[in-house]
Amino acid sequence: MGVKQVGRGFTLIEVLVAMAITALISAVAYGALSSALSAAESVRSATVRSHDINQTLTVLSRDIRQVVNRSIIDEFNQPAPALSGGLLSRYPLTLTRAGWHNSTGAPRSTLQRVRWWIEEDVLWRAHFPVLDRTPGTEPIETAMLDDVEGFEVRFLPTIVDLKSDRDDVIDDRDWRDNWIADVSQPDLELPIPAAVEIVLQLAGLGEVRRLYVLPSS
């Protein structure tokens, strides 16, 4: 009779080495996959953040560029200028703008009263359904942008004061931190400034500045 051949199996050490190699490959593959997913999520988050910032700046720019010299009567039956704001104002920016689209043909003006402010690191915009308000008139508020650490508005009285150096750096000595009515002269109407500068402090991104030259009244 012939001798029966018996197949040689793996030793315990070989099995352990194979398992270790498999575990190492799995760990490397998982790490690569996790990094890829994290990178994809970071790109997605950055894209969404960029879209939100651009959308907010578009709305803000449209409001400012379409400002009109139309004062209003507020809910306390007091006159309010066409544009006001700054550090001493209740809201950093309040204005009357044109171009309020009326697709339904509702019996209302195409002018709109809006205001912008920051609250708990959120930039808000509100508009009113009418220009001249009564005590029961409620604003329609919209949260525009999260993670906003600062919102500053500055004002330039006349365009001749708009100066810059040879590097196009704006000379800010003639700019004002406030644009509010003089309570000592209640009959003196506050004009629209010649220019407005917006400064946003965004978490993780830093400072964003926009300068707008306003239409003459």
N, C-alpha and C. Protein backbone atom coordinates (compact mmCIF):
# COMPACT_ATOMS: atom_id res chain seq x y z
N MET A 1 0.83 -1.19 0.00
CA MET A 1 0.00 0.00 0.00
C MET A 1 0.87 1.25 0.00
N GLY A 2 0.34 2.28 -0.65
CA GLY A 2 1.10 3.53 -0.65
C GLY A 2 0.91 4.30 0.66
N VAL A 3 1.78 5.26 0.88
CA VAL A 3 1.72 6.08 2.09
C VAL A 3 0.79 7.26 1.84
N LYS A 4 -0.22 7.44 2.69
CA LYS A 4 -1.18 8.54 2.53
C LYS A 4 -0.55 9.87 2.97
N GLN A 5 -0.69 10.88 2.06
CA GLN A 5 -0.10 12.18 2.36
C GLN A 5 -1.09 13.01 3.19
N VAL A 6 -0.66 13.55 4.27
CA VAL A 6 -1.49 14.40 5.14
C VAL A 6 -1.10 15.86 4.93
N GLY A 7 -2.13 16.74 4.57
CA GLY A 7 -1.84 18.16 4.32
C GLY A 7 -1.41 18.87 5.59
N ARG A 8 -0.43 19.75 5.43
CA ARG A 8 0.10 20.50 6.58
C ARG A 8 -0.77 21.74 6.81
N GLY A 9 -1.29 21.95 8.02
CA GLY A 9 -2.10 23.12 8.35
C GLY A 9 -1.25 24.31 8.79
N PHE A 10 -1.93 25.42 9.12
CA PHE A 10 -1.24 26.62 9.60
C PHE A 10 -0.95 26.47 11.08
N THR A 11 0.17 26.94 11.46
CA THR A 11 0.49 26.95 12.88
C THR A 11 -0.22 28.12 13.55
N LEU A 12 -0.28 28.09 14.84
CA LEU A 12 -0.93 29.14 15.59
C LEU A 12 -0.26 30.49 15.35
N ILE A 13 1.04 30.48 15.27
CA ILE A 13 1.78 31.73 15.03
C ILE A 13 1.42 32.31 13.67
N GLU A 14 1.32 31.46 12.64
CA GLU A 14 0.97 31.93 11.29
C GLU A 14 -0.44 32.52 11.27
N VAL A 15 -1.34 31.85 11.99
CA VAL A 15 -2.71 32.38 12.06
C VAL A 15 -2.73 33.74 12.74
N LEU A 16 -1.99 33.88 13.83
CA LEU A 16 -1.94 35.15 14.55
C LEU A 16 -1.32 36.25 13.68
N VAL A 17 -0.26 35.90 12.95
CA VAL A 17 0.37 36.89 12.05
C VAL A 17 -0.61 37.33 10.97
N ALA A 18 -1.33 36.35 10.38
CA ALA A 18 -2.31 36.68 9.34
C ALA A 18 -3.41 37.58 9.89
N MET A 19 -3.89 37.27 11.12
CA MET A 19 -4.92 38.10 11.73
C MET A 19 -4.40 39.50 12.02
N ALA A 20 -3.15 39.60 12.44
CA ALA A 20 -2.56 40.90 12.72
C ALA A 20 -2.44 41.73 11.44
N ILE A 21 -2.03 41.10 10.36
CA ILE A 21 -1.91 41.80 9.07
C ILE A 21 -3.28 42.26 8.61
N THR A 22 -4.27 41.38 8.73
CA THR A 22 -5.63 41.75 8.33
C THR A 22 -6.15 42.92 9.15
N ALA A 23 -5.91 42.87 10.47
CA ALA A 23 -6.35 43.95 11.34
C ALA A 23 -5.66 45.26 10.98
N LEU A 24 -4.34 45.19 10.66
CA LEU A 24 -3.60 46.38 10.28
C LEU A 24 -4.15 46.99 9.00
N ILE A 25 -4.42 46.13 8.01
CA ILE A 25 -4.95 46.61 6.74
C ILE A 25 -6.33 47.24 6.95
N SER A 26 -7.15 46.59 7.81
CA SER A 26 -8.48 47.13 8.09
C SER A 26 -8.38 48.49 8.78
N ALA A 27 -7.43 48.61 9.72
CA ALA A 27 -7.27 49.88 10.43
C ALA A 27 -6.84 50.99 9.48
N VAL A 28 -5.89 50.65 8.59
CA VAL A 28 -5.41 51.65 7.62
C VAL A 28 -6.55 52.05 6.69
N ALA A 29 -7.32 51.04 6.23
CA ALA A 29 -8.43 51.32 5.32
C ALA A 29 -9.49 52.17 6.01
N TYR A 30 -9.80 51.84 7.28
CA TYR A 30 -10.79 52.62 8.02
C TYR A 30 -10.31 54.05 8.24
N GLY A 31 -9.00 54.19 8.57
CA GLY A 31 -8.46 55.53 8.75
C GLY A 31 -8.54 56.35 7.48
N ALA A 32 -8.21 55.71 6.35
CA ALA A 32 -8.29 56.42 5.07
C ALA A 32 -9.72 56.81 4.75
N LEU A 33 -10.66 55.88 5.00
CA LEU A 33 -12.07 56.17 4.74
C LEU A 33 -12.58 57.28 5.65
N SER A 34 -12.19 57.20 6.94
CA SER A 34 -12.62 58.23 7.87
C SER A 34 -12.08 59.60 7.48
N SER A 35 -10.81 59.64 7.05
CA SER A 35 -10.22 60.91 6.62
C SER A 35 -10.94 61.45 5.39
N ALA A 36 -11.27 60.55 4.47
CA ALA A 36 -11.96 60.97 3.26
C ALA A 36 -13.34 61.52 3.58
N LEU A 37 -14.05 60.85 4.51
CA LEU A 37 -15.37 61.32 4.89
C LEU A 37 -15.29 62.65 5.63
N SER A 38 -14.27 62.79 6.48
CA SER A 38 -14.10 64.05 7.21
C SER A 38 -13.78 65.19 6.25
N ALA A 39 -12.92 64.90 5.27
CA ALA A 39 -12.58 65.92 4.28
C ALA A 39 -13.81 66.32 3.47
N ALA A 40 -14.61 65.32 3.09
CA ALA A 40 -15.83 65.60 2.32
C ALA A 40 -16.80 66.44 3.13
N GLU A 41 -16.93 66.13 4.43
CA GLU A 41 -17.82 66.89 5.30
C GLU A 41 -17.31 68.31 5.49
N SER A 42 -15.98 68.46 5.60
CA SER A 42 -15.40 69.80 5.74
C SER A 42 -15.66 70.64 4.50
N VAL A 43 -15.50 70.02 3.33
CA VAL A 43 -15.76 70.72 2.08
C VAL A 43 -17.23 71.11 1.99
N ARG A 44 -18.11 70.17 2.37
CA ARG A 44 -19.54 70.46 2.33
C ARG A 44 -19.90 71.60 3.27
N SER A 45 -19.36 71.56 4.50
CA SER A 45 -19.63 72.61 5.48
C SER A 45 -19.12 73.96 4.99
N ALA A 46 -17.91 73.96 4.40
CA ALA A 46 -17.33 75.20 3.88
C ALA A 46 -18.17 75.74 2.73
N THR A 47 -18.67 74.85 1.90
CA THR A 47 -19.51 75.27 0.77
C THR A 47 -20.81 75.89 1.26
N VAL A 48 -21.43 75.23 2.24
CA VAL A 48 -22.68 75.75 2.80
C VAL A 48 -22.44 77.10 3.48
N ARG A 49 -21.34 77.20 4.23
CA ARG A 49 -21.01 78.45 4.92
C ARG A 49 -20.77 79.57 3.92
N SER A 50 -20.03 79.28 2.86
CA SER A 50 -19.76 80.28 1.84
C SER A 50 -21.05 80.74 1.17
N HIS A 51 -21.94 79.80 0.90
CA HIS A 51 -23.23 80.14 0.29
C HIS A 51 -24.04 81.04 1.21
N ASP A 52 -24.08 80.70 2.51
CA ASP A 52 -24.85 81.50 3.47
C ASP A 52 -24.29 82.91 3.58
N ILE A 53 -22.97 83.04 3.60
CA ILE A 53 -22.34 84.37 3.69
C ILE A 53 -22.65 85.19 2.44
N ASN A 54 -22.48 84.59 1.28
CA ASN A 54 -22.74 85.31 0.03
C ASN A 54 -24.21 85.71 -0.08
N GLN A 55 -25.10 84.83 0.33
CA GLN A 55 -26.53 85.14 0.27
C GLN A 55 -26.87 86.30 1.20
N THR A 56 -26.29 86.29 2.40
CA THR A 56 -26.54 87.37 3.35
C THR A 56 -26.00 88.69 2.83
N LEU A 57 -24.79 88.69 2.29
CA LEU A 57 -24.21 89.92 1.75
C LEU A 57 -25.01 90.43 0.55
N THR A 58 -25.58 89.52 -0.23
CA THR A 58 -26.40 89.93 -1.37
C THR A 58 -27.64 90.67 -0.90
N VAL A 59 -28.32 90.13 0.11
CA VAL A 59 -29.52 90.77 0.64
C VAL A 59 -29.17 92.11 1.29
N LEU A 60 -28.10 92.12 2.07
CA LEU A 60 -27.68 93.35 2.73
C LEU A 60 -27.30 94.41 1.71
N SER A 61 -26.56 94.02 0.68
CA SER A 61 -26.15 94.96 -0.36
C SER A 61 -27.37 95.52 -1.09
N ARG A 62 -28.34 94.65 -1.38
CA ARG A 62 -29.54 95.11 -2.08
C ARG A 62 -30.32 96.12 -1.25
N ASP A 63 -30.41 95.86 0.06
CA ASP A 63 -31.09 96.81 0.93
C ASP A 63 -30.41 98.18 0.91
N ILE A 64 -29.09 98.18 1.05
CA ILE A 64 -28.37 99.44 1.13
C ILE A 64 -28.36 100.18 -0.19
N ARG A 65 -28.14 99.46 -1.28
CA ARG A 65 -28.05 100.11 -2.59
C ARG A 65 -29.39 100.68 -3.06
N GLN A 66 -30.49 100.18 -2.50
CA GLN A 66 -31.80 100.65 -2.92
C GLN A 66 -32.45 101.58 -1.89
N VAL A 67 -31.64 102.17 -1.02
CA VAL A 67 -32.17 103.08 -0.01
C VAL A 67 -32.83 104.28 -0.69
N VAL A 68 -33.92 104.74 -0.11
CA VAL A 68 -34.63 105.92 -0.62
C VAL A 68 -34.86 106.88 0.54
N ASN A 69 -34.98 108.15 0.20
CA ASN A 69 -35.14 109.19 1.22
C ASN A 69 -36.62 109.30 1.61
N ARG A 70 -37.08 108.29 2.35
CA ARG A 70 -38.47 108.26 2.81
C ARG A 70 -38.46 107.98 4.32
N SER A 71 -38.71 109.04 5.10
CA SER A 71 -38.83 108.86 6.55
C SER A 71 -40.16 108.19 6.85
N ILE A 72 -40.31 107.69 8.08
CA ILE A 72 -41.53 106.98 8.44
C ILE A 72 -42.02 107.44 9.82
N ILE A 73 -43.23 107.00 10.16
CA ILE A 73 -43.76 107.21 11.50
C ILE A 73 -43.72 105.87 12.21
N ASP A 74 -43.07 105.83 13.37
CA ASP A 74 -42.91 104.55 14.05
C ASP A 74 -44.13 104.22 14.91
N GLU A 75 -44.05 103.11 15.65
CA GLU A 75 -45.19 102.65 16.44
C GLU A 75 -45.50 103.57 17.63
N PHE A 76 -44.59 104.50 17.94
CA PHE A 76 -44.83 105.47 19.01
C PHE A 76 -45.32 106.81 18.45
N ASN A 77 -45.69 106.79 17.19
CA ASN A 77 -46.17 107.98 16.48
C ASN A 77 -45.11 109.07 16.40
N GLN A 78 -43.86 108.62 16.32
CA GLN A 78 -42.73 109.54 16.21
C GLN A 78 -42.08 109.39 14.83
N PRO A 79 -41.61 110.51 14.27
CA PRO A 79 -40.93 110.40 12.97
C PRO A 79 -39.58 109.71 13.10
N ALA A 80 -39.22 108.91 12.12
CA ALA A 80 -37.93 108.23 12.08
C ALA A 80 -37.30 108.48 10.72
N PRO A 81 -36.00 108.80 10.69
CA PRO A 81 -35.35 109.15 9.43
C PRO A 81 -35.30 107.98 8.45
N ALA A 82 -35.04 108.32 7.20
CA ALA A 82 -34.97 107.30 6.14
C ALA A 82 -33.89 106.28 6.42
N LEU A 83 -32.78 106.71 7.01
CA LEU A 83 -31.68 105.80 7.36
C LEU A 83 -31.07 106.25 8.68
N SER A 84 -30.83 105.30 9.55
CA SER A 84 -30.17 105.59 10.82
C SER A 84 -29.42 104.35 11.28
N GLY A 85 -28.56 104.53 12.27
CA GLY A 85 -27.82 103.37 12.79
C GLY A 85 -26.57 103.79 13.54
N GLY A 86 -25.76 102.80 13.87
CA GLY A 86 -24.53 103.06 14.59
C GLY A 86 -24.56 102.55 16.01
N LEU A 87 -23.51 102.87 16.75
CA LEU A 87 -23.34 102.36 18.10
C LEU A 87 -24.40 102.86 19.07
N LEU A 88 -24.86 104.11 18.89
CA LEU A 88 -25.82 104.70 19.82
C LEU A 88 -27.26 104.47 19.39
N SER A 89 -27.44 103.84 18.27
CA SER A 89 -28.79 103.57 17.79
C SER A 89 -29.29 102.24 18.35
N ARG A 90 -30.60 102.08 18.40
CA ARG A 90 -31.17 100.83 18.90
C ARG A 90 -30.77 99.66 18.01
N TYR A 91 -30.71 99.92 16.71
CA TYR A 91 -30.28 98.90 15.75
C TYR A 91 -29.12 99.46 14.93
N PRO A 92 -28.13 98.63 14.60
CA PRO A 92 -26.97 99.11 13.85
C PRO A 92 -27.32 99.71 12.49
N LEU A 93 -28.41 99.22 11.88
CA LEU A 93 -28.79 99.76 10.58
C LEU A 93 -30.30 99.62 10.38
N THR A 94 -30.95 100.75 10.10
CA THR A 94 -32.37 100.79 9.78
C THR A 94 -32.55 101.72 8.59
N LEU A 95 -33.34 101.30 7.63
CA LEU A 95 -33.50 102.13 6.43
C LEU A 95 -34.79 101.81 5.70
N THR A 96 -35.14 102.72 4.78
CA THR A 96 -36.24 102.51 3.85
C THR A 96 -35.65 102.23 2.48
N ARG A 97 -36.08 101.16 1.87
CA ARG A 97 -35.54 100.77 0.57
C ARG A 97 -36.65 100.61 -0.46
N ALA A 98 -36.27 100.74 -1.71
CA ALA A 98 -37.20 100.54 -2.82
C ALA A 98 -37.07 99.11 -3.34
N GLY A 99 -37.91 98.78 -4.31
CA GLY A 99 -37.77 97.50 -4.99
C GLY A 99 -38.38 96.32 -4.29
N TRP A 100 -39.35 96.57 -3.38
CA TRP A 100 -40.03 95.45 -2.71
C TRP A 100 -41.01 94.82 -3.70
N HIS A 101 -40.65 93.69 -4.22
CA HIS A 101 -41.43 93.05 -5.29
C HIS A 101 -42.82 92.69 -4.80
N ASN A 102 -43.81 92.99 -5.62
CA ASN A 102 -45.20 92.74 -5.26
C ASN A 102 -45.83 91.83 -6.31
N SER A 103 -45.48 90.55 -6.26
CA SER A 103 -45.93 89.60 -7.28
C SER A 103 -47.42 89.30 -7.19
N THR A 104 -48.02 89.47 -5.99
CA THR A 104 -49.45 89.16 -5.82
C THR A 104 -50.35 90.36 -6.07
N GLY A 105 -49.76 91.52 -6.29
CA GLY A 105 -50.57 92.72 -6.52
C GLY A 105 -51.29 93.19 -5.27
N ALA A 106 -50.71 92.91 -4.10
CA ALA A 106 -51.34 93.33 -2.84
C ALA A 106 -51.36 94.85 -2.74
N PRO A 107 -52.36 95.40 -2.05
CA PRO A 107 -52.46 96.86 -1.92
C PRO A 107 -51.43 97.41 -0.93
N ARG A 108 -50.20 97.44 -1.34
CA ARG A 108 -49.13 97.95 -0.49
C ARG A 108 -48.10 98.66 -1.33
N SER A 109 -47.23 99.38 -0.66
CA SER A 109 -46.15 100.10 -1.33
C SER A 109 -45.05 99.14 -1.76
N THR A 110 -44.28 99.57 -2.75
CA THR A 110 -43.08 98.81 -3.13
C THR A 110 -41.86 99.26 -2.32
N LEU A 111 -42.08 100.22 -1.41
CA LEU A 111 -41.03 100.61 -0.46
C LEU A 111 -41.14 99.72 0.77
N GLN A 112 -40.01 99.46 1.39
CA GLN A 112 -39.97 98.54 2.52
C GLN A 112 -39.06 99.10 3.61
N ARG A 113 -39.52 98.98 4.83
CA ARG A 113 -38.73 99.40 5.99
C ARG A 113 -38.03 98.17 6.56
N VAL A 114 -36.70 98.23 6.65
CA VAL A 114 -35.93 97.07 7.13
C VAL A 114 -34.95 97.51 8.20
N ARG A 115 -34.52 96.55 8.98
CA ARG A 115 -33.47 96.81 9.96
C ARG A 115 -32.62 95.56 10.14
N TRP A 116 -31.35 95.79 10.49
CA TRP A 116 -30.38 94.72 10.69
C TRP A 116 -29.76 94.86 12.07
N TRP A 117 -29.54 93.72 12.73
CA TRP A 117 -28.89 93.73 14.03
C TRP A 117 -28.32 92.35 14.33
N ILE A 118 -27.49 92.29 15.36
CA ILE A 118 -26.88 91.04 15.78
C ILE A 118 -27.38 90.70 17.18
N GLU A 119 -27.69 89.43 17.40
CA GLU A 119 -28.18 88.96 18.69
C GLU A 119 -27.71 87.54 18.92
N GLU A 120 -26.93 87.34 19.98
CA GLU A 120 -26.39 86.02 20.33
C GLU A 120 -25.67 85.37 19.14
N ASP A 121 -24.77 86.15 18.53
CA ASP A 121 -23.93 85.70 17.41
C ASP A 121 -24.74 85.32 16.17
N VAL A 122 -25.93 85.85 16.04
CA VAL A 122 -26.75 85.63 14.85
C VAL A 122 -27.09 87.00 14.25
N LEU A 123 -26.88 87.13 12.95
CA LEU A 123 -27.24 88.36 12.25
C LEU A 123 -28.69 88.25 11.78
N TRP A 124 -29.51 89.22 12.18
CA TRP A 124 -30.93 89.21 11.89
C TRP A 124 -31.31 90.34 10.94
N ARG A 125 -32.37 90.07 10.17
CA ARG A 125 -33.00 91.10 9.32
C ARG A 125 -34.50 91.07 9.60
N ALA A 126 -35.09 92.25 9.68
CA ALA A 126 -36.53 92.34 9.87
C ALA A 126 -37.09 93.36 8.88
N HIS A 127 -38.30 93.11 8.42
CA HIS A 127 -39.00 94.09 7.61
C HIS A 127 -40.43 94.24 8.11
N PHE A 128 -41.03 95.37 7.79
CA PHE A 128 -42.39 95.65 8.25
C PHE A 128 -43.36 95.59 7.06
N PRO A 129 -44.60 95.18 7.32
CA PRO A 129 -45.57 95.10 6.22
C PRO A 129 -46.02 96.46 5.71
N VAL A 130 -45.80 97.51 6.52
CA VAL A 130 -46.15 98.87 6.12
C VAL A 130 -45.00 99.79 6.50
N LEU A 131 -45.01 100.99 5.92
CA LEU A 131 -43.97 101.96 6.26
C LEU A 131 -44.30 102.68 7.56
N ASP A 132 -45.44 103.33 7.59
CA ASP A 132 -45.86 104.07 8.78
C ASP A 132 -46.63 103.12 9.70
N ARG A 133 -46.10 102.91 10.88
CA ARG A 133 -46.59 101.83 11.74
C ARG A 133 -47.57 102.33 12.79
N THR A 134 -48.27 101.38 13.36
CA THR A 134 -49.13 101.61 14.52
C THR A 134 -48.61 100.72 15.65
N PRO A 135 -49.10 100.91 16.88
CA PRO A 135 -48.59 100.07 17.99
C PRO A 135 -48.74 98.58 17.75
N GLY A 136 -49.67 98.15 16.92
CA GLY A 136 -49.87 96.73 16.69
C GLY A 136 -49.09 96.16 15.52
N THR A 137 -48.29 97.00 14.86
CA THR A 137 -47.54 96.53 13.70
C THR A 137 -46.35 95.69 14.15
N GLU A 138 -46.30 94.44 13.71
CA GLU A 138 -45.23 93.53 14.11
C GLU A 138 -44.24 93.32 12.95
N PRO A 139 -42.93 93.32 13.24
CA PRO A 139 -41.95 93.05 12.19
C PRO A 139 -41.90 91.57 11.84
N ILE A 140 -41.46 91.29 10.64
CA ILE A 140 -41.22 89.92 10.19
C ILE A 140 -39.72 89.69 10.24
N GLU A 141 -39.26 88.86 11.18
CA GLU A 141 -37.84 88.69 11.45
C GLU A 141 -37.30 87.42 10.80
N THR A 142 -36.06 87.52 10.29
CA THR A 142 -35.40 86.39 9.64
C THR A 142 -33.97 86.30 10.13
N ALA A 143 -33.58 85.11 10.61
CA ALA A 143 -32.19 84.86 10.98
C ALA A 143 -31.38 84.66 9.70
N MET A 144 -30.42 85.54 9.44
CA MET A 144 -29.70 85.53 8.18
C MET A 144 -28.40 84.71 8.23
N LEU A 145 -27.63 84.84 9.32
CA LEU A 145 -26.31 84.22 9.34
C LEU A 145 -25.89 83.91 10.77
N ASP A 146 -25.40 82.68 10.98
CA ASP A 146 -24.91 82.27 12.29
C ASP A 146 -23.42 82.59 12.45
N ASP A 147 -22.94 82.47 13.68
CA ASP A 147 -21.51 82.63 14.00
C ASP A 147 -20.98 83.99 13.56
N VAL A 148 -21.75 85.03 13.83
CA VAL A 148 -21.33 86.40 13.56
C VAL A 148 -20.95 87.04 14.89
N GLU A 149 -19.68 87.34 15.06
CA GLU A 149 -19.19 87.85 16.34
C GLU A 149 -19.27 89.36 16.44
N GLY A 150 -19.44 90.04 15.32
CA GLY A 150 -19.53 91.49 15.35
C GLY A 150 -20.18 92.03 14.09
N PHE A 151 -20.93 93.12 14.25
CA PHE A 151 -21.59 93.78 13.12
C PHE A 151 -21.52 95.28 13.36
N GLU A 152 -20.68 95.96 12.59
CA GLU A 152 -20.49 97.39 12.76
C GLU A 152 -20.86 98.12 11.48
N VAL A 153 -21.42 99.31 11.66
CA VAL A 153 -21.80 100.15 10.52
C VAL A 153 -21.22 101.54 10.76
N ARG A 154 -20.58 102.09 9.74
CA ARG A 154 -20.04 103.45 9.81
C ARG A 154 -20.58 104.26 8.65
N PHE A 155 -20.56 105.59 8.81
CA PHE A 155 -21.25 106.46 7.88
C PHE A 155 -20.36 107.62 7.45
N LEU A 156 -20.47 107.98 6.18
CA LEU A 156 -19.70 109.11 5.64
C LEU A 156 -20.69 110.21 5.24
N PRO A 157 -20.54 111.42 5.80
CA PRO A 157 -21.53 112.48 5.54
C PRO A 157 -21.60 112.92 4.08
N THR A 158 -20.45 113.18 3.48
CA THR A 158 -20.45 113.66 2.09
C THR A 158 -19.40 112.90 1.28
N ILE A 159 -19.63 112.82 0.00
CA ILE A 159 -18.76 112.03 -0.86
C ILE A 159 -17.38 112.67 -0.99
N VAL A 160 -17.29 113.97 -0.79
CA VAL A 160 -15.99 114.64 -0.89
C VAL A 160 -15.07 114.21 0.25
N ASP A 161 -15.67 113.64 1.31
CA ASP A 161 -14.86 113.16 2.43
C ASP A 161 -14.31 111.76 2.21
N LEU A 162 -14.67 111.14 1.09
CA LEU A 162 -14.19 109.80 0.80
C LEU A 162 -12.77 109.89 0.25
N LYS A 163 -11.80 109.51 1.05
CA LYS A 163 -10.40 109.63 0.68
C LYS A 163 -9.70 108.29 0.92
N SER A 164 -8.65 108.07 0.15
CA SER A 164 -7.82 106.87 0.33
C SER A 164 -6.39 107.22 -0.04
N ASP A 165 -5.43 106.39 0.42
CA ASP A 165 -4.04 106.64 0.09
C ASP A 165 -3.67 105.93 -1.21
N ARG A 166 -2.40 105.95 -1.56
CA ARG A 166 -1.96 105.37 -2.82
C ARG A 166 -2.16 103.85 -2.88
N ASP A 167 -2.33 103.23 -1.70
CA ASP A 167 -2.59 101.79 -1.65
C ASP A 167 -4.08 101.48 -1.57
N ASP A 168 -4.92 102.50 -1.83
CA ASP A 168 -6.38 102.37 -1.79
C ASP A 168 -6.91 102.02 -0.41
N VAL A 169 -6.17 102.38 0.63
CA VAL A 169 -6.65 102.21 1.99
C VAL A 169 -7.52 103.43 2.35
N ILE A 170 -8.76 103.16 2.79
CA ILE A 170 -9.70 104.23 3.07
C ILE A 170 -9.27 105.03 4.29
N ASP A 171 -9.27 106.35 4.16
CA ASP A 171 -9.02 107.25 5.29
C ASP A 171 -10.30 107.33 6.10
N ASP A 172 -10.26 106.85 7.34
CA ASP A 172 -11.49 106.76 8.13
C ASP A 172 -11.68 107.91 9.10
N ARG A 173 -10.88 108.97 8.99
CA ARG A 173 -10.97 110.05 9.96
C ARG A 173 -12.27 110.84 9.84
N ASP A 174 -12.89 110.86 8.68
CA ASP A 174 -14.13 111.61 8.49
C ASP A 174 -15.38 110.74 8.62
N TRP A 175 -15.18 109.46 8.91
CA TRP A 175 -16.33 108.57 9.06
C TRP A 175 -16.91 108.69 10.46
N ARG A 176 -18.22 108.47 10.56
CA ARG A 176 -18.91 108.55 11.84
C ARG A 176 -19.38 107.17 12.29
N ASP A 177 -19.32 106.96 13.61
CA ASP A 177 -19.79 105.70 14.18
C ASP A 177 -21.29 105.68 14.39
N ASN A 178 -21.92 106.86 14.28
CA ASN A 178 -23.36 106.95 14.49
C ASN A 178 -24.01 107.84 13.43
N TRP A 179 -25.22 107.47 13.08
CA TRP A 179 -26.03 108.29 12.16
C TRP A 179 -27.44 108.34 12.75
N ILE A 180 -27.63 109.30 13.66
CA ILE A 180 -28.90 109.41 14.36
C ILE A 180 -29.34 110.87 14.36
N ALA A 181 -30.64 111.06 14.55
CA ALA A 181 -31.20 112.41 14.54
C ALA A 181 -30.75 113.18 15.78
N ASP A 182 -30.60 114.47 15.61
CA ASP A 182 -30.23 115.36 16.71
C ASP A 182 -31.51 115.72 17.47
N VAL A 183 -31.64 115.18 18.70
CA VAL A 183 -32.88 115.40 19.46
C VAL A 183 -33.04 116.87 19.85
N SER A 184 -31.94 117.62 19.84
CA SER A 184 -32.05 119.04 20.19
C SER A 184 -32.61 119.86 19.03
N GLN A 185 -32.67 119.25 17.84
CA GLN A 185 -33.25 119.92 16.67
C GLN A 185 -34.28 118.99 16.02
N PRO A 186 -35.43 118.84 16.65
CA PRO A 186 -36.42 117.86 16.17
C PRO A 186 -36.96 118.17 14.78
N ASP A 187 -36.89 119.41 14.35
CA ASP A 187 -37.42 119.77 13.03
C ASP A 187 -36.39 119.60 11.92
N LEU A 188 -35.16 119.25 12.28
CA LEU A 188 -34.11 119.08 11.30
C LEU A 188 -34.10 117.63 10.83
N GLU A 189 -34.40 117.42 9.56
CA GLU A 189 -34.47 116.06 9.02
C GLU A 189 -33.07 115.51 8.79
N LEU A 190 -32.86 114.28 9.21
CA LEU A 190 -31.56 113.63 9.03
C LEU A 190 -31.42 113.16 7.59
N PRO A 191 -30.42 113.64 6.86
CA PRO A 191 -30.27 113.22 5.47
C PRO A 191 -29.68 111.82 5.37
N ILE A 192 -29.69 111.27 4.17
CA ILE A 192 -29.04 109.99 3.93
C ILE A 192 -27.53 110.24 3.78
N PRO A 193 -26.69 109.43 4.41
CA PRO A 193 -25.23 109.63 4.25
C PRO A 193 -24.79 109.35 2.82
N ALA A 194 -23.59 109.81 2.52
CA ALA A 194 -23.06 109.60 1.16
C ALA A 194 -22.57 108.18 0.96
N ALA A 195 -22.11 107.54 2.04
CA ALA A 195 -21.58 106.18 1.94
C ALA A 195 -21.75 105.46 3.27
N VAL A 196 -21.78 104.15 3.20
CA VAL A 196 -21.91 103.30 4.38
C VAL A 196 -20.86 102.20 4.29
N GLU A 197 -20.21 101.93 5.40
CA GLU A 197 -19.27 100.81 5.46
C GLU A 197 -19.78 99.78 6.46
N ILE A 198 -19.82 98.52 6.02
CA ILE A 198 -20.26 97.41 6.85
C ILE A 198 -19.04 96.58 7.23
N VAL A 199 -18.91 96.24 8.51
CA VAL A 199 -17.83 95.38 8.98
C VAL A 199 -18.44 94.20 9.73
N LEU A 200 -18.24 93.00 9.20
CA LEU A 200 -18.71 91.77 9.84
C LEU A 200 -17.52 91.01 10.40
N GLN A 201 -17.64 90.55 11.63
CA GLN A 201 -16.65 89.67 12.24
C GLN A 201 -17.23 88.26 12.26
N LEU A 202 -16.66 87.38 11.43
CA LEU A 202 -17.18 86.03 11.29
C LEU A 202 -16.28 85.03 12.00
N ALA A 203 -16.87 84.17 12.80
CA ALA A 203 -16.11 83.17 13.54
C ALA A 203 -15.35 82.26 12.58
N GLY A 204 -14.05 82.14 12.82
CA GLY A 204 -13.22 81.27 12.01
C GLY A 204 -12.76 81.86 10.69
N LEU A 205 -13.31 83.00 10.30
CA LEU A 205 -12.96 83.61 9.02
C LEU A 205 -12.38 85.01 9.18
N GLY A 206 -12.71 85.68 10.26
CA GLY A 206 -12.17 87.01 10.46
C GLY A 206 -13.10 88.09 9.96
N GLU A 207 -12.53 89.17 9.49
CA GLU A 207 -13.25 90.39 9.16
C GLU A 207 -13.65 90.45 7.69
N VAL A 208 -14.88 90.84 7.45
CA VAL A 208 -15.38 91.06 6.10
C VAL A 208 -15.89 92.50 6.02
N ARG A 209 -15.35 93.28 5.09
CA ARG A 209 -15.74 94.68 4.93
C ARG A 209 -16.40 94.90 3.58
N ARG A 210 -17.42 95.75 3.59
CA ARG A 210 -18.08 96.16 2.35
C ARG A 210 -18.33 97.67 2.43
N LEU A 211 -18.03 98.36 1.34
CA LEU A 211 -18.22 99.81 1.26
C LEU A 211 -19.26 100.10 0.18
N TYR A 212 -20.26 100.92 0.52
CA TYR A 212 -21.34 101.24 -0.42
C TYR A 212 -21.47 102.74 -0.54
N VAL A 213 -21.40 103.24 -1.75
CA VAL A 213 -21.71 104.63 -2.03
C VAL A 213 -23.21 104.70 -2.32
N LEU A 214 -23.94 105.50 -1.57
CA LEU A 214 -25.39 105.52 -1.64
C LEU A 214 -25.86 106.46 -2.73
N PRO A 215 -27.04 106.18 -3.30
CA PRO A 215 -27.59 107.07 -4.31
C PRO A 215 -27.93 108.42 -3.69
N SER A 216 -27.69 109.46 -4.42
CA SER A 216 -28.00 110.81 -3.92
C SER A 216 -29.51 110.98 -3.89
N SER A 217 -29.98 111.68 -2.88
CA SER A 217 -31.43 111.88 -2.72
C SER A 217 -31.92 113.00 -3.62
